[in-house]
Amino acid sequence: LRWAMSDESLQLLPDYQQRVEVLERLQYISGDGVVQLKGRAACEVNTSDSLVVGELVFENVLHSLPPPECAALLSTLVFQEKTDSEPGSGSALLESARSQLENILVALGAVQAECGLPVSPVEYQRMMCHSGLIEVVFEWARGMPFTQICELTDVQEGSIVRAIVRLSELVREVRNVARVVGDSALYTKMEDTNALIKRDIIFAASLYLT
């Protein structure tokens, strides 16, 4: 109680108010603080930034993509490591969707900056979107064996496994977002996407053979 009444506790108030303003501007909450449909949908996302995934869904970026492209695009939101290899684009559809995602990220960064948060739109886009495994995941979703996808990148095998496991979690969360907003087509597409990536040695009960 003493801390709550202190000056230190008030230092976080401007940041809180700025973040609330961001949510209002993006229509995740109303002006009087009531959670809107976008807000309820965003609550389903824990594996990645909920605002980014929410905008990706509500801007219908995933609707035009087949499941392999969906998996590859979403992988840019869960893979965080640096890589020196230059990933392929996968397909023209995927390259277009990645450009849309980057535009969404810049716009999100701009809204946060306008609301007073210390965010650079371009840096925000670079921080949130990492394409190092986009080709690897695209080919994995198309059925390429694990040994072959490892040849497409200099990322370690363990990092690839962890990224695809996290990707599977994100795909399930996007499926739940689709359920909340009543988008049956996206729900089915995320089910199909997860079925393509959740296979073989990456999801084996144990990597140790006896």
Protein backbone atom coordinates (compact mmCIF):
# COMPACT_ATOMS: atom_id res chain seq x y z
CA LEU A 1 0.00 0.00 0.00
CA ARG A 2 2.86 2.35 0.86
CA TRP A 3 4.48 1.64 -2.53
CA ALA A 4 1.15 2.13 -4.34
CA MET A 5 0.89 5.60 -2.81
CA SER A 6 4.51 6.50 -3.61
CA ASP A 7 5.94 8.57 -6.47
CA GLU A 8 7.65 5.45 -7.86
CA SER A 9 4.32 3.76 -8.59
CA LEU A 10 3.14 6.82 -10.52
CA GLN A 11 6.13 6.64 -12.89
CA LEU A 12 4.47 3.79 -14.76
CA LEU A 13 1.16 5.62 -15.17
CA PRO A 14 2.07 7.54 -18.37
CA ASP A 15 3.26 4.32 -20.02
CA TYR A 16 0.03 2.58 -19.01
CA GLN A 17 -2.09 5.43 -20.37
CA GLN A 18 -0.15 5.45 -23.65
CA ARG A 19 -0.68 1.71 -24.10
CA VAL A 20 -4.38 2.09 -23.38
CA GLU A 21 -4.51 4.81 -26.04
CA VAL A 22 -2.86 2.40 -28.51
CA LEU A 23 -5.55 -0.20 -27.79
CA GLU A 24 -8.27 2.41 -28.28
CA ARG A 25 -6.76 3.65 -31.56
CA LEU A 26 -6.59 0.08 -32.90
CA GLN A 27 -10.13 -0.67 -31.65
CA TYR A 28 -9.15 -3.42 -29.23
CA ILE A 29 -11.01 -1.57 -26.51
CA SER A 30 -13.65 1.15 -26.64
CA GLY A 31 -13.21 4.70 -25.37
CA ASP A 32 -14.67 3.71 -22.01
CA GLY A 33 -12.42 0.65 -21.67
CA VAL A 34 -14.78 -2.10 -22.83
CA VAL A 35 -12.98 -4.96 -24.60
CA GLN A 36 -14.05 -5.23 -28.25
CA LEU A 37 -14.04 -8.21 -30.63
CA LYS A 38 -10.43 -7.56 -31.67
CA GLY A 39 -9.44 -7.46 -28.01
CA ARG A 40 -11.17 -10.76 -27.22
CA ALA A 41 -9.48 -12.35 -30.22
CA ALA A 42 -6.05 -11.01 -29.22
CA CYS A 43 -6.42 -12.60 -25.78
CA GLU A 44 -6.07 -16.00 -27.48
CA VAL A 45 -2.45 -15.26 -28.48
CA ASN A 46 0.47 -15.92 -26.14
CA THR A 47 3.24 -17.28 -28.37
CA SER A 48 3.75 -14.03 -30.30
CA ASP A 49 2.73 -10.38 -30.03
CA SER A 50 -1.06 -10.42 -29.80
CA LEU A 51 -1.47 -7.06 -31.56
CA VAL A 52 0.58 -8.22 -34.55
CA VAL A 53 -1.35 -11.47 -34.88
CA GLY A 54 -4.64 -9.63 -34.40
CA GLU A 55 -3.87 -7.17 -37.20
CA LEU A 56 -2.66 -10.01 -39.43
CA VAL A 57 -6.00 -11.77 -39.02
CA PHE A 58 -8.25 -8.72 -39.25
CA GLU A 59 -6.41 -7.45 -42.33
CA ASN A 60 -7.18 -10.84 -43.97
CA VAL A 61 -3.55 -11.44 -44.88
CA LEU A 62 -3.84 -15.19 -44.29
CA HIS A 63 -7.03 -15.66 -46.30
CA SER A 64 -5.37 -15.75 -49.71
CA LEU A 65 -2.54 -18.06 -48.63
CA PRO A 66 -2.41 -21.86 -48.90
CA PRO A 67 -1.40 -23.68 -45.66
CA PRO A 68 2.36 -23.97 -46.47
CA GLU A 69 2.56 -20.20 -47.05
CA CYS A 70 0.58 -19.58 -43.85
CA ALA A 71 3.08 -21.64 -41.86
CA ALA A 72 6.05 -19.87 -43.45
CA LEU A 73 4.63 -16.39 -42.84
CA LEU A 74 3.77 -17.09 -39.20
CA SER A 75 7.28 -18.50 -38.66
CA THR A 76 8.62 -14.95 -39.01
CA LEU A 77 6.85 -14.09 -35.74
CA VAL A 78 8.35 -16.92 -33.66
CA PHE A 79 11.91 -17.25 -34.96
CA GLN A 80 14.20 -14.84 -33.10
CA GLU A 81 17.76 -15.89 -33.93
CA LYS A 82 20.18 -14.29 -36.37
CA THR A 83 21.35 -16.14 -39.45
CA ASP A 84 23.93 -15.35 -42.12
CA SER A 85 22.18 -17.40 -44.81
CA GLU A 86 19.80 -15.60 -47.15
CA PRO A 87 16.44 -17.41 -47.13
CA GLY A 88 14.51 -17.96 -50.34
CA SER A 89 11.12 -16.30 -50.73
CA GLY A 90 9.19 -19.58 -51.14
CA SER A 91 6.55 -18.29 -53.56
CA ALA A 92 5.19 -15.07 -55.03
CA LEU A 93 2.13 -15.31 -52.74
CA LEU A 94 4.37 -15.66 -49.71
CA GLU A 95 6.57 -12.74 -50.73
CA SER A 96 3.49 -10.55 -51.15
CA ALA A 97 2.14 -11.62 -47.75
CA ARG A 98 5.48 -10.90 -46.09
CA SER A 99 5.40 -7.40 -47.57
CA GLN A 100 1.88 -6.93 -46.15
CA LEU A 101 3.08 -8.11 -42.74
CA GLU A 102 5.98 -5.66 -42.80
CA ASN A 103 3.58 -2.83 -43.67
CA ILE A 104 1.33 -3.84 -40.76
CA LEU A 105 4.30 -3.80 -38.40
CA VAL A 106 5.41 -0.34 -39.54
CA ALA A 107 1.84 0.93 -39.09
CA LEU A 108 1.65 -0.61 -35.60
CA GLY A 109 4.96 0.99 -34.68
CA ALA A 110 3.73 4.34 -35.98
CA VAL A 111 0.56 4.18 -33.86
CA GLN A 112 2.60 3.41 -30.75
CA ALA A 113 5.00 6.27 -31.50
CA GLU A 114 2.09 8.67 -32.04
CA CYS A 115 0.68 7.65 -28.66
CA GLY A 116 3.96 8.61 -26.98
CA LEU A 117 5.69 5.24 -26.62
CA PRO A 118 9.43 5.15 -27.41
CA VAL A 119 9.02 3.11 -30.59
CA SER A 120 10.61 3.57 -34.01
CA PRO A 121 8.27 2.12 -36.68
CA VAL A 122 11.10 0.78 -38.84
CA GLU A 123 12.97 -0.69 -35.88
CA TYR A 124 9.74 -2.20 -34.59
CA GLN A 125 9.26 -3.96 -37.93
CA ARG A 126 12.81 -5.28 -37.88
CA MET A 127 12.47 -6.44 -34.28
CA MET A 128 9.19 -8.28 -34.75
CA CYS A 129 9.70 -9.96 -38.13
CA HIS A 130 12.57 -12.44 -38.68
CA SER A 131 12.57 -14.31 -41.98
CA GLY A 132 15.52 -16.61 -41.28
CA LEU A 133 13.45 -19.80 -41.41
CA ILE A 134 10.77 -18.77 -43.87
CA GLU A 135 12.06 -21.04 -46.66
CA VAL A 136 12.82 -23.87 -44.22
CA VAL A 137 9.27 -23.85 -42.82
CA PHE A 138 7.73 -23.47 -46.28
CA GLU A 139 9.52 -26.57 -47.53
CA TRP A 140 8.84 -28.48 -44.29
CA ALA A 141 5.12 -27.79 -44.70
CA ARG A 142 5.37 -29.09 -48.27
CA GLY A 143 6.75 -32.40 -47.03
CA MET A 144 10.52 -32.03 -47.39
CA PRO A 145 12.48 -34.35 -45.00
CA PHE A 146 14.19 -32.84 -41.97
CA THR A 147 17.69 -33.63 -43.21
CA GLN A 148 17.02 -31.66 -46.40
CA ILE A 149 15.53 -28.58 -44.77
CA CYS A 150 18.61 -28.38 -42.55
CA GLU A 151 20.67 -27.89 -45.72
CA LEU A 152 18.71 -24.74 -46.58
CA THR A 153 20.07 -22.73 -43.64
CA ASP A 154 22.97 -22.31 -41.24
CA VAL A 155 20.58 -22.35 -38.26
CA GLN A 156 21.28 -25.24 -35.89
CA GLU A 157 18.98 -28.26 -35.96
CA GLY A 158 17.88 -27.70 -32.37
CA SER A 159 16.86 -24.14 -33.15
CA ILE A 160 14.84 -25.32 -36.14
CA VAL A 161 13.03 -27.86 -33.96
CA ARG A 162 12.25 -25.28 -31.27
CA ALA A 163 11.02 -22.75 -33.83
CA ILE A 164 8.67 -25.21 -35.52
CA VAL A 165 7.30 -26.43 -32.17
CA ARG A 166 6.59 -22.80 -31.22
CA LEU A 167 5.10 -22.25 -34.66
CA SER A 168 2.68 -25.12 -34.07
CA GLU A 169 1.57 -23.39 -30.86
CA LEU A 170 1.07 -20.10 -32.70
CA VAL A 171 -0.93 -21.79 -35.46
CA ARG A 172 -3.26 -23.27 -32.83
CA GLU A 173 -3.65 -19.82 -31.29
CA VAL A 174 -4.52 -18.29 -34.68
CA ARG A 175 -7.07 -21.09 -35.07
CA ASN A 176 -8.57 -20.02 -31.74
CA VAL A 177 -8.64 -16.40 -32.92
CA ALA A 178 -10.59 -17.58 -35.97
CA ARG A 179 -13.05 -19.35 -33.66
CA VAL A 180 -13.57 -16.19 -31.60
CA VAL A 181 -14.28 -14.03 -34.66
CA GLY A 182 -16.41 -16.70 -36.34
CA ASP A 183 -14.15 -17.26 -39.33
CA SER A 184 -14.70 -20.94 -40.16
CA ALA A 185 -12.55 -20.83 -43.31
CA LEU A 186 -9.51 -19.56 -41.40
CA TYR A 187 -10.18 -22.04 -38.59
CA THR A 188 -10.08 -24.94 -41.06
CA LYS A 189 -7.00 -23.54 -42.78
CA MET A 190 -5.11 -23.36 -39.48
CA GLU A 191 -6.10 -26.96 -38.73
CA ASP A 192 -4.70 -27.99 -42.12
CA THR A 193 -1.57 -25.88 -41.57
CA ASN A 194 -0.84 -27.50 -38.22
CA ALA A 195 -1.34 -30.96 -39.73
CA LEU A 196 1.36 -30.20 -42.31
CA ILE A 197 4.03 -29.04 -39.85
CA LYS A 198 3.31 -31.32 -36.88
CA ARG A 199 5.02 -34.44 -38.14
CA ASP A 200 8.06 -36.70 -38.12
CA ILE A 201 11.15 -36.31 -35.95
CA ILE A 202 10.39 -32.73 -34.84
CA PHE A 203 7.35 -33.91 -32.91
CA ALA A 204 8.64 -37.33 -31.88
CA ALA A 205 8.09 -38.19 -28.21
CA SER A 206 11.86 -38.52 -27.83
CA LEU A 207 14.81 -37.82 -30.09
CA TYR A 208 16.74 -40.64 -28.44
CA LEU A 209 16.40 -44.02 -30.13
CA THR A 210 16.57 -47.20 -28.06
